[in-house]
């Protein structure tokens, strides 16, 4: 898969994983693993990019004697996710065209 396309889709998957409730790295990986293979070395740069873009905010809280970093979706993150969802029917048409032509 094209690296840029996969990167963009992974960002949307991360936003969708935390849309309903805050989460942390390991849980995000667990939530996404049935859908897409993602490692810590892939996830954390995505989280950093989304945070830098204002799509996520973070806070730390003690858990089992360590600080755990939690991620929350912001209004910007919700806007990005909503924009993706509205473009989904067009993307589905494109995928169906490609799969029908090459499948």
Protein backbone atom coordinates (compact mmCIF):
# COMPACT_ATOMS: atom_id res chain seq x y z
CA UNK A 1 0.00 0.00 0.00
CA UNK A 2 1.21 3.52 -0.74
CA UNK A 3 2.94 4.91 2.35
CA UNK A 4 1.15 8.28 2.27
CA UNK A 5 -2.27 6.69 1.81
CA UNK A 6 -1.63 4.24 4.65
CA UNK A 7 -0.34 7.04 6.89
CA UNK A 8 -3.50 9.07 6.33
CA UNK A 9 -5.77 6.09 6.93
CA UNK A 10 -3.91 5.16 10.10
CA UNK A 11 -4.38 8.70 11.42
CA UNK A 12 -8.12 8.40 10.82
CA UNK A 13 -8.16 4.98 12.50
CA UNK A 14 -6.44 6.43 15.57
CA UNK A 15 -8.94 9.28 15.75
CA UNK A 16 -11.81 6.79 15.42
CA UNK A 17 -10.32 4.62 18.18
CA UNK A 18 -10.45 7.50 20.65
CA UNK A 19 -13.56 9.25 19.35
CA UNK A 20 -15.82 7.91 22.10
CA UNK A 21 -13.39 7.93 25.02
CA UNK A 22 -9.84 8.83 25.98
CA UNK A 23 -7.26 6.13 25.52
CA UNK A 24 -3.56 5.30 25.80
CA UNK A 25 -1.04 3.78 23.44
CA UNK A 26 -1.30 0.09 24.27
CA UNK A 27 -5.11 0.19 24.26
CA UNK A 28 -5.17 2.00 20.92
CA UNK A 29 -2.94 -0.70 19.44
CA UNK A 30 -5.20 -3.41 20.92
CA UNK A 31 -8.33 -1.71 19.59
CA UNK A 32 -6.88 -1.38 16.09
CA UNK A 33 -5.17 -4.77 15.84
CA UNK A 34 -8.26 -6.62 14.52
CA UNK A 35 -8.47 -4.07 11.68
CA UNK A 36 -4.89 -3.13 10.86
CA UNK A 37 -1.43 -4.14 11.96
CA UNK A 38 0.15 -1.26 13.87
CA UNK A 39 3.19 -1.23 16.11
CA UNK A 40 4.31 1.17 18.82
CA UNK A 41 6.97 2.54 16.47
CA UNK A 42 4.21 3.42 14.01
CA UNK A 43 1.59 4.59 16.51
CA UNK A 44 3.58 7.06 18.58
CA UNK A 45 4.73 9.25 15.66
CA UNK A 46 1.09 9.33 14.49
CA UNK A 47 -0.05 10.42 17.94
CA UNK A 48 2.65 13.10 18.00
CA UNK A 49 1.60 14.40 14.56
CA UNK A 50 -2.07 14.49 15.55
CA UNK A 51 -1.22 16.29 18.78
CA UNK A 52 0.94 18.84 16.92
CA UNK A 53 -1.93 19.41 14.47
CA UNK A 54 -4.35 20.09 17.33
CA UNK A 55 -6.40 16.94 16.69
CA UNK A 56 -5.50 15.45 20.08
CA UNK A 57 -4.69 16.64 23.56
CA UNK A 58 -2.92 14.64 26.25
CA UNK A 59 -2.57 14.33 29.97
CA UNK A 60 -0.70 11.92 32.23
CA UNK A 61 -2.07 9.97 35.17
CA UNK A 62 -0.45 7.47 37.54
CA UNK A 63 -1.23 3.82 36.81
CA UNK A 64 0.47 0.97 38.71
CA UNK A 65 3.20 3.30 39.95
CA UNK A 66 3.97 4.78 36.51
CA UNK A 67 2.69 7.70 34.55
CA UNK A 68 0.46 6.73 31.64
CA UNK A 69 -0.18 9.22 28.85
CA UNK A 70 -3.82 9.52 27.79
CA UNK A 71 -5.04 10.92 24.47
CA UNK A 72 -8.30 12.79 23.93
CA UNK A 73 -9.78 13.87 20.62
CA UNK A 74 -10.31 17.62 20.17
CA UNK A 75 -12.81 19.56 18.09
CA UNK A 76 -10.25 19.61 15.27
CA UNK A 77 -9.85 15.84 15.51
CA UNK A 78 -13.63 15.38 15.40
CA UNK A 79 -13.79 17.70 12.38
CA UNK A 80 -11.15 15.63 10.55
CA UNK A 81 -12.97 12.42 11.35
CA UNK A 82 -16.32 13.83 10.23
CA UNK A 83 -14.74 15.07 6.98
CA UNK A 84 -13.40 11.59 6.32
CA UNK A 85 -16.79 10.03 7.03
CA UNK A 86 -18.52 12.33 4.53
CA UNK A 87 -15.98 11.37 1.85
CA UNK A 88 -16.37 7.64 2.56
CA UNK A 89 -19.07 7.00 -0.10
CA UNK A 90 -16.83 8.50 -2.79
CA UNK A 91 -13.87 6.46 -1.53
CA UNK A 92 -16.05 3.35 -1.61
CA UNK A 93 -16.92 4.04 -5.26
CA UNK A 94 -13.22 4.44 -6.07
CA UNK A 95 -12.34 1.19 -4.29
CA UNK A 96 -15.14 -0.68 -6.03
CA UNK A 97 -13.95 0.64 -9.38
CA UNK A 98 -10.35 -0.39 -8.69
CA UNK A 99 -11.28 -3.83 -7.37
CA UNK A 100 -13.68 -4.50 -10.22
CA UNK A 101 -11.08 -3.43 -12.79
CA UNK A 102 -8.18 -5.33 -11.27
CA UNK A 103 -9.92 -8.11 -9.38
